[in-house]
N, C-alpha and C. Protein backbone atom coordinates (compact mmCIF):
# COMPACT_ATOMS: atom_id res chain seq x y z
N MET A 1 0.85 -1.24 -0.03
CA MET A 1 -0.04 -0.01 0.06
C MET A 1 0.86 1.26 -0.01
N ASP A 2 0.53 2.20 -0.87
CA ASP A 2 1.27 3.41 -0.93
C ASP A 2 0.71 4.43 0.11
N THR A 3 1.23 4.18 1.27
CA THR A 3 0.66 4.96 2.46
C THR A 3 0.83 6.58 2.22
N GLU A 4 1.96 7.00 1.65
CA GLU A 4 2.18 8.39 1.54
C GLU A 4 1.18 8.97 0.53
N ASN A 5 0.98 8.27 -0.60
CA ASN A 5 0.00 8.71 -1.55
C ASN A 5 -1.45 8.75 -0.96
N PHE A 6 -1.76 7.74 -0.23
CA PHE A 6 -3.04 7.56 0.38
C PHE A 6 -3.32 8.74 1.35
N ASN A 7 -2.34 9.03 2.12
CA ASN A 7 -2.50 10.18 3.13
C ASN A 7 -2.64 11.50 2.40
N THR A 8 -1.90 11.62 1.25
CA THR A 8 -1.98 12.92 0.53
C THR A 8 -3.43 13.11 -0.02
N ILE A 9 -3.94 11.97 -0.62
CA ILE A 9 -5.27 11.96 -1.12
C ILE A 9 -6.31 12.36 -0.02
N GLN A 10 -6.11 11.76 1.16
CA GLN A 10 -7.03 11.94 2.26
C GLN A 10 -6.97 13.42 2.76
N GLU A 11 -5.79 14.07 2.83
CA GLU A 11 -5.69 15.44 3.16
C GLU A 11 -6.28 16.39 2.17
N LYS A 12 -6.19 16.09 0.84
CA LYS A 12 -6.78 16.87 -0.16
C LYS A 12 -8.33 16.80 -0.12
N LEU A 13 -8.81 15.57 0.08
CA LEU A 13 -10.25 15.38 0.04
C LEU A 13 -10.93 16.01 1.24
N CYS A 14 -10.21 16.03 2.44
CA CYS A 14 -10.80 16.70 3.61
C CYS A 14 -11.12 18.21 3.40
N LYS A 15 -10.35 18.76 2.49
CA LYS A 15 -10.56 20.12 2.16
C LYS A 15 -11.76 20.43 1.12
N LYS A 16 -12.04 19.35 0.41
CA LYS A 16 -13.08 19.45 -0.64
C LYS A 16 -14.47 19.08 -0.14
N LEU A 17 -14.64 18.28 0.86
CA LEU A 17 -15.89 17.84 1.40
C LEU A 17 -16.28 18.54 2.61
N ASP A 18 -17.57 18.67 2.82
CA ASP A 18 -18.02 19.23 4.13
C ASP A 18 -17.83 18.17 5.23
N SER A 19 -17.87 18.64 6.42
CA SER A 19 -17.52 17.71 7.58
C SER A 19 -18.32 16.47 7.60
N ARG A 20 -19.69 16.58 7.42
CA ARG A 20 -20.50 15.43 7.42
C ARG A 20 -20.24 14.50 6.29
N ARG A 21 -20.00 14.97 5.10
CA ARG A 21 -19.71 14.07 3.99
C ARG A 21 -18.32 13.41 4.18
N TYR A 22 -17.43 14.15 4.76
CA TYR A 22 -16.02 13.59 5.05
C TYR A 22 -16.06 12.37 6.07
N GLN A 23 -16.92 12.62 7.15
CA GLN A 23 -17.08 11.57 8.12
C GLN A 23 -17.72 10.36 7.45
N HIS A 24 -18.76 10.59 6.57
CA HIS A 24 -19.37 9.48 5.88
C HIS A 24 -18.34 8.69 5.02
N THR A 25 -17.48 9.54 4.37
CA THR A 25 -16.42 8.96 3.49
C THR A 25 -15.50 8.04 4.26
N LEU A 26 -15.15 8.54 5.47
CA LEU A 26 -14.17 7.68 6.28
C LEU A 26 -14.86 6.40 6.70
N GLY A 27 -16.17 6.48 7.01
CA GLY A 27 -16.95 5.35 7.37
C GLY A 27 -17.02 4.39 6.22
N VAL A 28 -17.20 4.84 5.03
CA VAL A 28 -17.34 4.02 3.87
C VAL A 28 -15.93 3.35 3.61
N MET A 29 -14.87 4.03 3.77
CA MET A 29 -13.46 3.55 3.60
C MET A 29 -13.25 2.48 4.59
N TYR A 30 -13.54 2.58 5.80
CA TYR A 30 -13.24 1.63 6.77
C TYR A 30 -14.14 0.37 6.58
N THR A 31 -15.39 0.60 6.13
CA THR A 31 -16.31 -0.57 5.86
C THR A 31 -15.82 -1.28 4.67
N CYS A 32 -15.33 -0.60 3.65
CA CYS A 32 -14.74 -1.26 2.50
C CYS A 32 -13.56 -2.16 2.93
N ALA A 33 -12.73 -1.52 3.73
CA ALA A 33 -11.59 -2.39 4.18
C ALA A 33 -12.04 -3.69 4.92
N ALA A 34 -13.04 -3.54 5.79
CA ALA A 34 -13.57 -4.73 6.55
C ALA A 34 -14.18 -5.75 5.61
N LEU A 35 -14.93 -5.29 4.56
CA LEU A 35 -15.54 -6.16 3.60
C LEU A 35 -14.48 -6.83 2.73
N ALA A 36 -13.42 -6.12 2.41
CA ALA A 36 -12.35 -6.69 1.61
C ALA A 36 -11.63 -7.77 2.29
N MET A 37 -11.39 -7.57 3.63
CA MET A 37 -10.82 -8.60 4.39
C MET A 37 -11.71 -9.85 4.50
N ALA A 38 -12.95 -9.53 4.65
CA ALA A 38 -13.97 -10.71 4.92
C ALA A 38 -14.01 -11.50 3.59
N HIS A 39 -13.90 -10.90 2.41
CA HIS A 39 -14.25 -11.59 1.19
C HIS A 39 -12.96 -11.76 0.35
N GLY A 40 -11.84 -11.48 0.84
CA GLY A 40 -10.51 -11.73 0.11
C GLY A 40 -10.27 -10.85 -1.10
N ALA A 41 -10.77 -9.60 -0.99
CA ALA A 41 -10.51 -8.59 -2.05
C ALA A 41 -9.28 -7.80 -1.70
N ASP A 42 -8.86 -7.05 -2.73
CA ASP A 42 -7.64 -6.24 -2.57
C ASP A 42 -7.97 -5.10 -1.55
N LEU A 43 -7.17 -5.08 -0.43
CA LEU A 43 -7.51 -4.17 0.63
C LEU A 43 -7.22 -2.73 0.26
N TYR A 44 -6.09 -2.43 -0.42
CA TYR A 44 -5.76 -1.10 -0.76
C TYR A 44 -6.84 -0.56 -1.85
N LYS A 45 -7.15 -1.32 -2.79
CA LYS A 45 -8.08 -0.86 -3.77
C LYS A 45 -9.41 -0.55 -3.13
N ALA A 46 -9.87 -1.42 -2.21
CA ALA A 46 -11.10 -1.22 -1.56
C ALA A 46 -11.07 0.06 -0.71
N GLN A 47 -10.07 0.32 0.05
CA GLN A 47 -9.98 1.53 0.79
C GLN A 47 -9.91 2.83 -0.13
N LEU A 48 -9.13 2.66 -1.19
CA LEU A 48 -8.96 3.78 -2.16
C LEU A 48 -10.31 4.18 -2.82
N ALA A 49 -11.07 3.14 -3.18
CA ALA A 49 -12.43 3.38 -3.78
C ALA A 49 -13.37 4.00 -2.84
N GLY A 50 -13.27 3.43 -1.58
CA GLY A 50 -14.16 3.95 -0.55
C GLY A 50 -13.88 5.36 -0.22
N LEU A 51 -12.58 5.69 -0.16
CA LEU A 51 -12.15 7.04 0.18
C LEU A 51 -12.59 8.03 -0.91
N LEU A 52 -12.56 7.64 -2.15
CA LEU A 52 -12.83 8.60 -3.25
C LEU A 52 -14.26 8.48 -3.79
N HIS A 53 -15.09 7.52 -3.27
CA HIS A 53 -16.40 7.35 -3.89
C HIS A 53 -17.30 8.52 -4.04
N ASP A 54 -17.03 9.45 -3.06
CA ASP A 54 -17.98 10.68 -3.03
C ASP A 54 -17.16 11.92 -3.35
N CYS A 55 -15.97 11.84 -4.00
CA CYS A 55 -15.13 13.01 -4.10
C CYS A 55 -15.73 14.07 -4.91
N ALA A 56 -16.75 13.90 -5.67
CA ALA A 56 -17.44 14.91 -6.39
C ALA A 56 -18.89 15.29 -5.84
N LYS A 57 -19.12 14.72 -4.70
CA LYS A 57 -20.54 14.94 -4.07
C LYS A 57 -20.89 16.36 -3.82
N CYS A 58 -19.84 17.12 -3.31
CA CYS A 58 -20.14 18.51 -2.96
C CYS A 58 -20.05 19.50 -4.15
N VAL A 59 -19.98 18.96 -5.32
CA VAL A 59 -20.02 19.93 -6.46
C VAL A 59 -21.56 20.29 -6.71
N PRO A 60 -21.90 21.53 -6.87
CA PRO A 60 -23.33 21.91 -7.01
C PRO A 60 -23.91 21.09 -8.22
N ASN A 61 -25.18 20.79 -8.15
CA ASN A 61 -25.81 19.90 -9.16
C ASN A 61 -25.73 20.45 -10.64
N LYS A 62 -25.95 21.72 -10.79
CA LYS A 62 -25.89 22.33 -12.14
C LYS A 62 -24.51 22.23 -12.67
N LYS A 63 -23.55 22.39 -11.79
CA LYS A 63 -22.08 22.30 -12.20
C LYS A 63 -21.83 20.98 -12.55
N LYS A 64 -22.34 19.95 -11.79
CA LYS A 64 -22.10 18.49 -12.14
C LYS A 64 -22.47 18.16 -13.58
N VAL A 65 -23.63 18.67 -14.03
CA VAL A 65 -24.13 18.47 -15.42
C VAL A 65 -23.18 19.17 -16.38
N ARG A 66 -22.79 20.38 -16.08
CA ARG A 66 -21.96 21.16 -16.93
C ARG A 66 -20.52 20.50 -17.09
N LEU A 67 -20.03 20.10 -15.98
CA LEU A 67 -18.65 19.39 -16.02
C LEU A 67 -18.66 18.16 -16.79
N CYS A 68 -19.74 17.31 -16.57
CA CYS A 68 -19.82 16.08 -17.28
C CYS A 68 -19.87 16.26 -18.79
N LYS A 69 -20.70 17.25 -19.19
CA LYS A 69 -20.75 17.49 -20.61
C LYS A 69 -19.33 18.15 -21.15
N LYS A 70 -18.69 18.94 -20.33
CA LYS A 70 -17.41 19.43 -20.71
C LYS A 70 -16.43 18.38 -20.93
N HIS A 71 -16.48 17.40 -20.05
CA HIS A 71 -15.36 16.28 -20.07
C HIS A 71 -15.91 15.04 -20.84
N LYS A 72 -17.03 15.32 -21.57
CA LYS A 72 -17.58 14.20 -22.47
C LYS A 72 -17.86 12.91 -21.59
N ILE A 73 -18.48 13.17 -20.49
CA ILE A 73 -19.04 12.01 -19.64
C ILE A 73 -20.46 11.97 -20.03
N SER A 74 -20.92 10.74 -20.35
CA SER A 74 -22.35 10.57 -20.80
C SER A 74 -23.28 10.96 -19.73
N VAL A 75 -24.28 11.69 -20.06
CA VAL A 75 -25.40 12.06 -19.15
C VAL A 75 -26.69 11.63 -19.74
N THR A 76 -27.37 10.75 -19.03
CA THR A 76 -28.82 10.31 -19.56
C THR A 76 -29.77 11.38 -19.30
N PRO A 77 -30.90 11.36 -19.95
CA PRO A 77 -31.97 12.30 -19.68
C PRO A 77 -32.40 12.18 -18.19
N PHE A 78 -32.41 11.07 -17.64
CA PHE A 78 -32.85 10.80 -16.24
C PHE A 78 -31.81 11.48 -15.34
N GLU A 79 -30.52 11.42 -15.62
CA GLU A 79 -29.50 12.06 -14.77
C GLU A 79 -29.45 13.61 -14.97
N GLU A 80 -29.93 14.06 -16.09
CA GLU A 80 -29.98 15.42 -16.27
C GLU A 80 -31.14 15.99 -15.32
N GLU A 81 -32.22 15.19 -15.27
CA GLU A 81 -33.29 15.63 -14.32
C GLU A 81 -32.94 15.39 -12.92
N ASN A 82 -32.04 14.42 -12.58
CA ASN A 82 -31.62 14.12 -11.27
C ASN A 82 -30.16 14.22 -11.10
N PRO A 83 -29.58 15.45 -11.18
CA PRO A 83 -28.15 15.54 -11.36
C PRO A 83 -27.33 14.98 -10.09
N PHE A 84 -27.98 14.92 -9.02
CA PHE A 84 -27.23 14.36 -7.87
C PHE A 84 -26.58 13.00 -8.11
N LEU A 85 -27.23 12.28 -9.03
CA LEU A 85 -26.65 10.92 -9.43
C LEU A 85 -25.35 11.03 -10.08
N LEU A 86 -25.12 12.17 -10.74
CA LEU A 86 -23.80 12.27 -11.53
C LEU A 86 -22.51 12.38 -10.69
N HIS A 87 -22.68 12.46 -9.34
CA HIS A 87 -21.45 12.54 -8.59
C HIS A 87 -20.63 11.34 -8.72
N ALA A 88 -21.27 10.16 -9.05
CA ALA A 88 -20.52 8.95 -9.16
C ALA A 88 -19.60 9.00 -10.45
N LYS A 89 -20.25 9.27 -11.59
CA LYS A 89 -19.50 9.40 -12.81
C LYS A 89 -18.40 10.49 -12.77
N LEU A 90 -18.85 11.68 -12.34
CA LEU A 90 -17.82 12.72 -12.16
C LEU A 90 -16.82 12.40 -11.15
N GLY A 91 -17.15 11.66 -10.10
CA GLY A 91 -16.23 11.24 -9.12
C GLY A 91 -15.13 10.39 -9.69
N ALA A 92 -15.50 9.42 -10.56
CA ALA A 92 -14.49 8.56 -11.25
C ALA A 92 -13.54 9.46 -12.12
N HIS A 93 -14.06 10.41 -12.66
CA HIS A 93 -13.26 11.38 -13.55
C HIS A 93 -12.31 12.09 -12.57
N TYR A 94 -12.82 12.70 -11.48
CA TYR A 94 -12.08 13.36 -10.58
C TYR A 94 -10.91 12.44 -9.94
N ALA A 95 -11.34 11.28 -9.62
CA ALA A 95 -10.34 10.33 -8.99
C ALA A 95 -9.11 10.09 -9.91
N ARG A 96 -9.40 10.13 -11.28
CA ARG A 96 -8.31 9.94 -12.26
C ARG A 96 -7.52 11.26 -12.35
N LYS A 97 -8.26 12.32 -12.60
CA LYS A 97 -7.63 13.58 -12.97
C LYS A 97 -7.04 14.33 -11.90
N LYS A 98 -7.71 14.37 -10.67
CA LYS A 98 -7.35 15.20 -9.59
C LYS A 98 -6.55 14.45 -8.43
N TYR A 99 -6.87 13.07 -8.45
CA TYR A 99 -6.19 12.32 -7.40
C TYR A 99 -5.18 11.26 -7.95
N GLY A 100 -5.05 11.22 -9.24
CA GLY A 100 -4.05 10.40 -9.83
C GLY A 100 -4.34 8.88 -9.86
N VAL A 101 -5.58 8.42 -9.76
CA VAL A 101 -5.89 6.99 -9.67
C VAL A 101 -5.99 6.57 -11.22
N GLU A 102 -5.19 5.52 -11.52
CA GLU A 102 -5.28 4.95 -12.84
C GLU A 102 -5.95 3.58 -12.87
N ASP A 103 -6.12 2.99 -11.74
CA ASP A 103 -6.59 1.68 -11.66
C ASP A 103 -8.13 1.54 -12.15
N GLY A 104 -8.33 0.85 -13.18
CA GLY A 104 -9.74 0.82 -13.80
C GLY A 104 -10.70 0.11 -12.90
N GLU A 105 -10.29 -0.85 -12.10
CA GLU A 105 -11.25 -1.47 -11.17
C GLU A 105 -11.72 -0.44 -10.06
N VAL A 106 -10.82 0.37 -9.57
CA VAL A 106 -11.22 1.40 -8.56
C VAL A 106 -12.11 2.41 -9.16
N LEU A 107 -11.70 2.93 -10.40
CA LEU A 107 -12.59 3.93 -11.09
C LEU A 107 -13.94 3.39 -11.37
N SER A 108 -14.07 2.09 -11.75
CA SER A 108 -15.32 1.56 -12.11
C SER A 108 -16.25 1.41 -10.80
N ALA A 109 -15.57 1.11 -9.65
CA ALA A 109 -16.26 0.92 -8.38
C ALA A 109 -16.92 2.26 -8.01
N ILE A 110 -16.12 3.31 -8.25
CA ILE A 110 -16.58 4.71 -7.85
C ILE A 110 -17.74 5.06 -8.84
N ARG A 111 -17.60 4.71 -10.02
CA ARG A 111 -18.61 5.11 -11.14
C ARG A 111 -20.00 4.50 -10.90
N CYS A 112 -20.03 3.30 -10.37
CA CYS A 112 -21.28 2.58 -10.28
C CYS A 112 -21.84 2.44 -8.83
N HIS A 113 -21.18 3.17 -7.84
CA HIS A 113 -21.54 2.92 -6.49
C HIS A 113 -22.89 3.42 -6.06
N THR A 114 -23.51 4.29 -6.86
CA THR A 114 -24.81 4.99 -6.52
C THR A 114 -25.93 4.07 -7.05
N THR A 115 -25.88 3.67 -8.27
CA THR A 115 -27.01 2.92 -8.98
C THR A 115 -26.78 1.47 -8.87
N GLY A 116 -25.52 1.05 -8.82
CA GLY A 116 -25.26 -0.39 -8.97
C GLY A 116 -25.27 -0.69 -10.52
N ARG A 117 -25.01 -1.96 -10.89
CA ARG A 117 -25.16 -2.34 -12.22
C ARG A 117 -25.30 -3.90 -12.18
N PRO A 118 -25.70 -4.42 -13.38
CA PRO A 118 -25.66 -5.88 -13.38
C PRO A 118 -24.29 -6.48 -13.38
N ALA A 119 -24.07 -7.64 -12.85
CA ALA A 119 -22.80 -8.35 -12.80
C ALA A 119 -21.69 -7.45 -12.34
N MET A 120 -21.85 -6.84 -11.18
CA MET A 120 -20.76 -6.06 -10.67
C MET A 120 -19.60 -6.97 -10.15
N THR A 121 -18.30 -6.44 -10.24
CA THR A 121 -17.23 -7.06 -9.70
C THR A 121 -17.33 -7.18 -8.16
N VAL A 122 -16.37 -7.96 -7.53
CA VAL A 122 -16.33 -7.98 -6.09
C VAL A 122 -16.11 -6.52 -5.48
N LEU A 123 -15.13 -5.87 -6.10
CA LEU A 123 -14.80 -4.50 -5.56
C LEU A 123 -15.99 -3.55 -5.76
N GLU A 124 -16.69 -3.68 -6.85
CA GLU A 124 -17.86 -2.80 -7.07
C GLU A 124 -18.93 -3.04 -6.08
N LYS A 125 -19.20 -4.35 -5.67
CA LYS A 125 -20.25 -4.70 -4.78
C LYS A 125 -19.77 -4.22 -3.38
N ILE A 126 -18.53 -4.29 -3.05
CA ILE A 126 -18.02 -3.88 -1.80
C ILE A 126 -18.30 -2.36 -1.53
N VAL A 127 -17.99 -1.54 -2.62
CA VAL A 127 -18.20 -0.11 -2.43
C VAL A 127 -19.70 0.23 -2.38
N PHE A 128 -20.51 -0.37 -3.25
CA PHE A 128 -21.85 -0.25 -3.30
C PHE A 128 -22.56 -0.54 -1.94
N ILE A 129 -22.14 -1.69 -1.29
CA ILE A 129 -22.70 -2.09 0.00
C ILE A 129 -22.17 -1.19 1.10
N ALA A 130 -20.89 -0.94 1.10
CA ALA A 130 -20.25 -0.08 2.18
C ALA A 130 -20.95 1.27 2.19
N ASP A 131 -21.29 1.87 1.11
CA ASP A 131 -21.94 3.17 1.12
C ASP A 131 -23.25 3.07 1.74
N TYR A 132 -23.90 1.96 1.75
CA TYR A 132 -25.28 1.77 2.32
C TYR A 132 -25.25 1.45 3.77
N ILE A 133 -24.22 0.69 4.25
CA ILE A 133 -24.17 0.19 5.54
C ILE A 133 -23.19 0.83 6.57
N GLU A 134 -22.38 1.73 6.07
CA GLU A 134 -21.36 2.33 6.93
C GLU A 134 -21.93 2.77 8.29
N PRO A 135 -21.16 2.81 9.35
CA PRO A 135 -21.68 3.10 10.66
C PRO A 135 -22.63 4.29 10.81
N MET A 136 -22.42 5.40 10.15
CA MET A 136 -23.22 6.63 10.36
C MET A 136 -24.61 6.46 9.66
N ARG A 137 -24.80 5.51 8.85
CA ARG A 137 -26.14 5.20 8.24
C ARG A 137 -27.11 4.70 9.33
N ASP A 138 -28.28 5.32 9.39
CA ASP A 138 -29.20 4.81 10.41
C ASP A 138 -30.65 4.88 10.03
N THR A 139 -30.97 5.26 8.78
CA THR A 139 -32.37 5.42 8.29
C THR A 139 -32.98 4.21 7.46
N ALA A 140 -32.10 3.48 6.81
CA ALA A 140 -32.55 2.41 5.91
C ALA A 140 -33.18 1.36 6.74
N PRO A 141 -34.27 0.71 6.10
CA PRO A 141 -34.82 -0.52 6.83
C PRO A 141 -33.91 -1.66 6.95
N ARG A 142 -34.08 -2.47 7.95
CA ARG A 142 -33.43 -3.80 8.04
C ARG A 142 -31.89 -3.65 8.03
N LEU A 143 -31.35 -2.54 8.48
CA LEU A 143 -29.96 -2.33 8.43
C LEU A 143 -29.14 -3.34 9.15
N ASP A 144 -29.56 -3.80 10.36
CA ASP A 144 -28.89 -4.83 11.06
C ASP A 144 -28.70 -6.12 10.36
N GLU A 145 -29.84 -6.50 9.72
CA GLU A 145 -29.90 -7.77 8.86
C GLU A 145 -28.92 -7.59 7.78
N ILE A 146 -28.99 -6.48 7.05
CA ILE A 146 -28.16 -6.27 5.81
C ILE A 146 -26.75 -6.25 6.17
N ARG A 147 -26.44 -5.53 7.32
CA ARG A 147 -24.98 -5.48 7.77
C ARG A 147 -24.44 -6.89 8.00
N ARG A 148 -25.16 -7.70 8.63
CA ARG A 148 -24.78 -9.13 8.84
C ARG A 148 -24.57 -9.86 7.50
N LEU A 149 -25.48 -9.68 6.65
CA LEU A 149 -25.41 -10.35 5.35
C LEU A 149 -24.25 -9.88 4.53
N ALA A 150 -23.80 -8.64 4.69
CA ALA A 150 -22.67 -8.14 3.95
C ALA A 150 -21.41 -8.89 4.14
N PHE A 151 -21.29 -9.46 5.36
CA PHE A 151 -20.11 -10.26 5.65
C PHE A 151 -20.17 -11.71 5.34
N GLN A 152 -21.39 -12.06 4.84
CA GLN A 152 -21.60 -13.44 4.58
C GLN A 152 -21.68 -13.70 3.05
N ASP A 153 -22.39 -12.86 2.27
CA ASP A 153 -22.81 -13.13 0.94
C ASP A 153 -23.04 -11.80 0.17
N LEU A 154 -22.05 -11.39 -0.64
CA LEU A 154 -22.13 -10.07 -1.31
C LEU A 154 -23.27 -10.05 -2.22
N ASP A 155 -23.53 -11.11 -3.03
CA ASP A 155 -24.60 -11.11 -4.05
C ASP A 155 -25.93 -10.99 -3.36
N ARG A 156 -26.10 -11.76 -2.39
CA ARG A 156 -27.44 -11.68 -1.66
C ARG A 156 -27.65 -10.33 -0.97
N CYS A 157 -26.51 -9.77 -0.37
CA CYS A 157 -26.62 -8.49 0.19
C CYS A 157 -27.05 -7.34 -0.90
N THR A 158 -26.30 -7.46 -1.98
CA THR A 158 -26.54 -6.50 -3.07
C THR A 158 -28.06 -6.59 -3.52
N TYR A 159 -28.57 -7.81 -3.63
CA TYR A 159 -29.96 -7.98 -3.98
C TYR A 159 -30.86 -7.25 -2.94
N GLU A 160 -30.60 -7.59 -1.67
CA GLU A 160 -31.57 -6.98 -0.64
C GLU A 160 -31.45 -5.46 -0.63
N ILE A 161 -30.23 -4.89 -0.77
CA ILE A 161 -30.21 -3.47 -0.93
C ILE A 161 -31.00 -2.94 -2.08
N LEU A 162 -30.75 -3.55 -3.26
CA LEU A 162 -31.55 -3.00 -4.38
C LEU A 162 -32.98 -3.15 -4.22
N ARG A 163 -33.44 -4.27 -3.65
CA ARG A 163 -34.84 -4.48 -3.32
C ARG A 163 -35.32 -3.40 -2.46
N ASP A 164 -34.78 -3.12 -1.35
CA ASP A 164 -35.18 -2.12 -0.45
C ASP A 164 -35.18 -0.82 -1.08
N THR A 165 -34.15 -0.48 -1.84
CA THR A 165 -33.98 0.82 -2.52
C THR A 165 -35.15 1.04 -3.47
N LEU A 166 -35.52 0.07 -4.29
CA LEU A 166 -36.63 0.15 -5.26
C LEU A 166 -37.93 0.39 -4.51
N GLU A 167 -38.14 -0.36 -3.42
CA GLU A 167 -39.36 -0.31 -2.67
C GLU A 167 -39.50 1.10 -2.06
N TYR A 168 -38.43 1.62 -1.73
CA TYR A 168 -38.43 2.97 -1.10
C TYR A 168 -38.77 4.02 -2.20
N LEU A 169 -38.12 3.94 -3.31
CA LEU A 169 -38.37 4.90 -4.47
C LEU A 169 -39.76 4.75 -5.08
N GLN A 170 -40.25 3.60 -5.04
CA GLN A 170 -41.58 3.44 -5.56
C GLN A 170 -42.76 4.00 -4.71
N GLN A 171 -42.39 4.36 -3.42
CA GLN A 171 -43.28 5.04 -2.51
C GLN A 171 -43.42 6.44 -2.83
N SER A 172 -42.51 7.05 -3.64
CA SER A 172 -42.57 8.41 -3.95
C SER A 172 -42.75 8.58 -5.37
N PRO A 173 -43.11 9.85 -5.78
CA PRO A 173 -43.41 10.10 -7.23
C PRO A 173 -42.24 10.04 -8.16
N ARG A 174 -41.06 9.92 -7.54
CA ARG A 174 -39.80 9.99 -8.41
C ARG A 174 -39.74 8.72 -9.30
N LYS A 175 -39.14 8.98 -10.40
CA LYS A 175 -38.85 7.83 -11.30
C LYS A 175 -37.61 7.14 -10.85
N ILE A 176 -37.41 5.95 -11.38
CA ILE A 176 -36.24 5.15 -10.89
C ILE A 176 -35.26 5.04 -12.13
N ASP A 177 -34.04 5.18 -11.73
CA ASP A 177 -32.93 5.04 -12.71
C ASP A 177 -32.96 3.65 -13.42
N LEU A 178 -32.83 3.73 -14.76
CA LEU A 178 -32.95 2.41 -15.44
C LEU A 178 -31.77 1.44 -15.08
N THR A 179 -30.60 2.07 -14.71
CA THR A 179 -29.53 1.19 -14.38
C THR A 179 -29.73 0.42 -13.10
N THR A 180 -30.47 1.15 -12.12
CA THR A 180 -30.79 0.45 -10.90
C THR A 180 -31.77 -0.68 -11.08
N GLU A 181 -32.77 -0.44 -11.97
CA GLU A 181 -33.83 -1.43 -12.27
C GLU A 181 -33.05 -2.59 -12.95
N ARG A 182 -32.17 -2.47 -13.84
CA ARG A 182 -31.43 -3.55 -14.53
C ARG A 182 -30.62 -4.29 -13.48
N ALA A 183 -29.95 -3.50 -12.57
CA ALA A 183 -29.12 -4.24 -11.55
C ALA A 183 -30.09 -5.15 -10.68
N TYR A 184 -31.23 -4.54 -10.26
CA TYR A 184 -32.15 -5.29 -9.49
C TYR A 184 -32.64 -6.58 -10.10
N ALA A 185 -33.05 -6.38 -11.51
CA ALA A 185 -33.47 -7.67 -12.19
C ALA A 185 -32.38 -8.73 -12.19
N TYR A 186 -31.11 -8.23 -12.46
CA TYR A 186 -29.97 -9.21 -12.49
C TYR A 186 -29.84 -9.96 -11.19
N TYR A 187 -29.78 -9.16 -10.04
CA TYR A 187 -29.58 -9.84 -8.78
C TYR A 187 -30.73 -10.54 -8.24
N ARG A 188 -31.94 -10.18 -8.72
CA ARG A 188 -33.23 -10.93 -8.32
C ARG A 188 -33.12 -12.26 -9.02
N GLU A 189 -32.76 -12.29 -10.30
CA GLU A 189 -32.62 -13.60 -10.97
C GLU A 189 -31.52 -14.56 -10.32
N ARG A 190 -30.42 -13.93 -9.91
CA ARG A 190 -29.41 -14.72 -9.21
C ARG A 190 -29.93 -15.21 -7.89
N ASN A 191 -30.71 -14.40 -7.11
CA ASN A 191 -31.21 -14.79 -5.84
C ASN A 191 -32.26 -16.01 -5.97
N GLU A 192 -33.06 -15.90 -7.06
CA GLU A 192 -33.98 -16.97 -7.31
C GLU A 192 -33.28 -18.26 -7.81
N ARG A 193 -32.22 -18.14 -8.51
CA ARG A 193 -31.46 -19.31 -8.93
C ARG A 193 -30.74 -19.92 -7.72
N ASP A 194 -30.08 -19.07 -6.84
CA ASP A 194 -29.32 -19.60 -5.79
C ASP A 194 -30.15 -20.04 -4.58
N TYR A 195 -31.20 -19.34 -4.32
CA TYR A 195 -32.09 -19.62 -3.09
C TYR A 195 -33.43 -20.03 -3.38
N GLY A 196 -33.89 -20.02 -4.63
CA GLY A 196 -35.26 -20.41 -4.95
C GLY A 196 -36.24 -19.36 -4.39
N GLU A 197 -35.83 -18.12 -4.20
CA GLU A 197 -36.69 -17.10 -3.63
C GLU A 197 -37.05 -16.04 -4.61
N ASN A 198 -38.31 -15.72 -4.66
CA ASN A 198 -38.74 -14.61 -5.60
C ASN A 198 -38.81 -13.36 -4.81
N GLY A 199 -38.10 -12.26 -5.31
CA GLY A 199 -38.07 -10.99 -4.55
C GLY A 199 -39.40 -10.34 -4.68
């Protein structure tokens, strides 16, 4: 692990995020590390992806759209209507350009941590899950159950998070991102195949 570089990134990031977001970021980083150890993933990559997953979160929403277009990052009509989602794509860009991350696995984990996607890698699932279960989170349903599951079965845990997320979003008038729906369909099918359970 390149400790000096990691510390430099952490110091830079602390100045870019508000206090609450930075504390969340540290929670995600430590949770990523714990999940990486539990599931045999690369510890440094997990910590780095966790540390940088929200590096573009505090960019104002209108600016997120503008910067994505400027840097030729694809923006769907749904994302243009809900620009808060773009912090993941813009964050992957920032991780590479501002923080010197070249590892494609790490960048991909940052890019899809908000919506998920079908057939995520182990690292992608770790960051996706860690963002949901880190210790400061306290409003999602069934958190105790999902936290236990995170250390037992990443696929099952991903499915449960996606299911709860869609159920929550369906209670409001907001539309649901197509990528999240596709991710849910993929992990629901895996869950049915592996456990014979229909979500």
